[in-house]
Amino acid sequence: MVSRYERFTASISGICRSIQKIETDEMKSFGLKGSHAQYLAAMDQHPEGLTASQLCTICEKDKAAVSRAVAELEEKGMIHKENGVYYRARLTLTPKGREISRQVCKKAETAVRLAETNISKEESHALFAMLDTIAEELRKVCKEGLPEE
C-alpha cells in the first residue's frame, strides 16, 4: 500500500517536473531558461518593480538563484536595475521584458487551464485553497521543526 507521504510527494514532484519541462520548452523560443518564467511572471504582477529580496520571497527561491536570474535577465535587456544596494535596488521590466513576460504569463495560464480540463471551477478553487494551506503549514513545520511523537 502506498503511504500518504509517498502519494503526496510523488504527485507534487510530478507536477513540478511537468511545470519545469513546460517552462524550459516555452522559454527556449525567447532565448531564456525555464527558471526565468517565474521571475518574469512575478515582475509582470508588480509593474512598480521589485527588489531581489522581494523576488526571493515571492518566488520562494534562494538569493543565489535570484542573483543569477537577475544578472541573466539584465544582460538580455529584460529588466532594469536601479542604482542602489544590490538586494534593495528596484528591478523593473524593460519594454522588451514586459512584452515577453506578457507572453509567458499567457502561456502559463494556458498550461494551467489545460491541467484543469477535468476539474470544475469549484474543485479548482478548493484545490488552490488546500494547496495554499498545505504550503503554509509545511512552512511552519520547516520553521518550528517536527513535533516529538
Protein backbone atom coordinates (compact mmCIF):
# COMPACT_ATOMS: atom_id res chain seq x y z
CA MET A 1 0.00 0.00 0.00
CA VAL A 2 1.30 3.46 -0.91
CA SER A 3 1.59 5.78 2.06
CA ARG A 4 0.12 9.28 2.10
CA TYR A 5 3.66 10.65 2.14
CA GLU A 6 4.66 8.68 -0.98
CA ARG A 7 1.49 9.64 -2.84
CA PHE A 8 1.78 13.31 -1.85
CA THR A 9 5.46 13.67 -2.71
CA ALA A 10 5.14 11.71 -5.97
CA SER A 11 2.22 13.89 -7.09
CA ILE A 12 3.92 17.16 -6.14
CA SER A 13 7.22 16.04 -7.72
CA GLY A 14 5.42 15.04 -10.90
CA ILE A 15 3.66 18.40 -11.09
CA CYS A 16 6.97 20.23 -10.55
CA ARG A 17 8.75 18.18 -13.22
CA SER A 18 5.96 18.84 -15.72
CA ILE A 19 5.97 22.57 -14.98
CA GLN A 20 9.75 22.72 -15.35
CA LYS A 21 9.60 20.92 -18.70
CA ILE A 22 6.87 23.24 -20.00
CA GLU A 23 8.82 26.30 -18.79
CA THR A 24 12.02 25.06 -20.40
CA ASP A 25 10.32 24.23 -23.70
CA GLU A 26 8.43 27.53 -23.88
CA MET A 27 11.26 29.80 -22.74
CA LYS A 28 13.64 28.45 -25.41
CA SER A 29 11.75 30.44 -28.03
CA PHE A 30 12.75 33.63 -26.18
CA GLY A 31 16.37 32.55 -25.68
CA LEU A 32 15.74 32.21 -21.94
CA LYS A 33 15.92 29.45 -19.35
CA GLY A 34 12.84 27.81 -17.93
CA SER A 35 13.67 29.20 -14.49
CA HIS A 36 13.23 32.74 -15.84
CA ALA A 37 9.49 32.20 -16.38
CA GLN A 38 8.57 32.51 -12.71
CA TYR A 39 10.63 35.69 -12.25
CA LEU A 40 9.11 37.35 -15.30
CA ALA A 41 5.60 36.38 -14.22
CA ALA A 42 6.19 37.78 -10.71
CA MET A 43 7.60 41.02 -12.09
CA ASP A 44 4.68 41.33 -14.51
CA GLN A 45 2.36 41.43 -11.49
CA HIS A 46 4.40 44.28 -9.97
CA PRO A 47 4.87 46.98 -12.62
CA GLU A 48 6.20 49.35 -9.94
CA GLY A 49 9.15 46.98 -9.60
CA LEU A 50 10.52 44.59 -7.02
CA THR A 51 13.77 44.17 -5.17
CA ALA A 52 15.78 40.96 -5.46
CA SER A 53 14.83 40.22 -1.85
CA GLN A 54 11.15 40.54 -2.73
CA LEU A 55 11.66 38.22 -5.71
CA CYS A 56 13.24 35.68 -3.35
CA THR A 57 10.14 35.78 -1.17
CA ILE A 58 7.53 35.81 -3.94
CA CYS A 59 9.17 33.04 -5.98
CA GLU A 60 10.39 31.13 -2.92
CA LYS A 61 13.93 30.95 -4.32
CA ASP A 62 17.27 31.49 -2.61
CA LYS A 63 19.42 34.58 -3.10
CA ALA A 64 21.92 32.78 -5.33
CA ALA A 65 19.23 31.64 -7.78
CA VAL A 66 17.67 35.10 -7.90
CA SER A 67 21.08 36.76 -8.33
CA ARG A 68 21.88 34.54 -11.31
CA ALA A 69 18.49 35.09 -12.92
CA VAL A 70 18.58 38.87 -12.38
CA ALA A 71 22.06 39.08 -13.92
CA GLU A 72 20.98 36.99 -16.93
CA LEU A 73 17.73 38.89 -17.46
CA GLU A 74 19.51 42.23 -17.11
CA GLU A 75 22.16 41.13 -19.62
CA LYS A 76 19.43 40.15 -22.10
CA GLY A 77 17.74 43.52 -21.72
CA MET A 78 14.62 42.18 -19.97
CA ILE A 79 14.97 44.04 -16.69
CA HIS A 80 16.42 47.29 -15.49
CA LYS A 81 18.10 47.59 -12.10
CA GLU A 82 18.09 51.00 -10.42
CA ASN A 83 21.23 52.13 -8.67
CA GLY A 84 21.43 51.07 -5.07
CA VAL A 85 22.46 48.31 -2.74
CA TYR A 86 22.02 45.14 -4.79
CA TYR A 87 19.22 43.43 -2.86
CA ARG A 88 17.45 46.74 -2.24
CA ALA A 89 17.73 48.07 -5.81
CA ARG A 90 14.39 48.25 -7.57
CA LEU A 91 14.09 45.89 -10.55
CA THR A 92 11.62 46.74 -13.29
CA LEU A 93 10.78 45.15 -16.60
CA THR A 94 12.03 46.89 -19.71
CA PRO A 95 9.57 47.22 -22.62
CA LYS A 96 11.17 44.07 -24.10
CA GLY A 97 10.85 42.29 -20.75
CA ARG A 98 7.22 43.38 -20.34
CA GLU A 99 6.33 42.07 -23.79
CA ILE A 100 7.96 38.71 -23.12
CA SER A 101 6.52 38.48 -19.60
CA ARG A 102 3.02 39.01 -21.00
CA GLN A 103 3.57 36.18 -23.49
CA VAL A 104 4.99 33.97 -20.73
CA CYS A 105 2.01 34.69 -18.46
CA LYS A 106 -0.43 33.94 -21.28
CA LYS A 107 1.27 30.59 -21.96
CA ALA A 108 1.34 29.78 -18.23
CA GLU A 109 -2.39 30.49 -17.95
CA THR A 110 -2.99 28.18 -20.92
CA ALA A 111 -0.98 25.39 -19.28
CA VAL A 112 -2.90 25.70 -16.00
CA ARG A 113 -6.24 25.85 -17.85
CA LEU A 114 -5.33 22.66 -19.74
CA ALA A 115 -4.28 20.97 -16.50
CA GLU A 116 -7.70 21.81 -15.03
CA THR A 117 -9.67 20.50 -18.01
CA ASN A 118 -11.43 17.80 -15.98
CA ILE A 119 -11.87 19.88 -12.81
CA SER A 120 -14.86 22.10 -12.07
CA LYS A 121 -14.37 25.74 -11.05
CA GLU A 122 -15.45 24.86 -7.51
CA GLU A 123 -12.95 22.00 -7.34
CA SER A 124 -10.24 24.26 -8.72
CA HIS A 125 -10.90 26.94 -6.08
CA ALA A 126 -10.90 24.28 -3.37
CA LEU A 127 -7.68 22.75 -4.72
CA PHE A 128 -5.82 26.06 -4.67
CA ALA A 129 -7.12 26.87 -1.20
CA MET A 130 -5.92 23.47 0.03
CA LEU A 131 -2.51 23.87 -1.65
CA ASP A 132 -2.12 27.30 -0.03
CA THR A 133 -2.97 25.81 3.35
CA ILE A 134 -0.60 22.86 2.90
CA ALA A 135 2.21 25.18 1.80
CA GLU A 136 1.69 27.44 4.81
CA GLU A 137 1.56 24.54 7.26
CA LEU A 138 4.72 23.00 5.78
CA ARG A 139 6.47 26.39 6.08
CA LYS A 140 5.56 26.33 9.79
CA VAL A 141 7.00 22.81 10.14
CA CYS A 142 10.20 23.98 8.43
CA LYS A 143 10.45 26.91 10.78
CA GLU A 144 9.44 25.16 14.01
CA GLY A 145 10.54 21.58 13.29
CA LEU A 146 8.54 18.40 13.59
CA PRO A 147 6.84 17.78 16.94
CA GLU A 148 8.10 14.93 19.09
CA GLU A 149 5.95 11.82 18.88
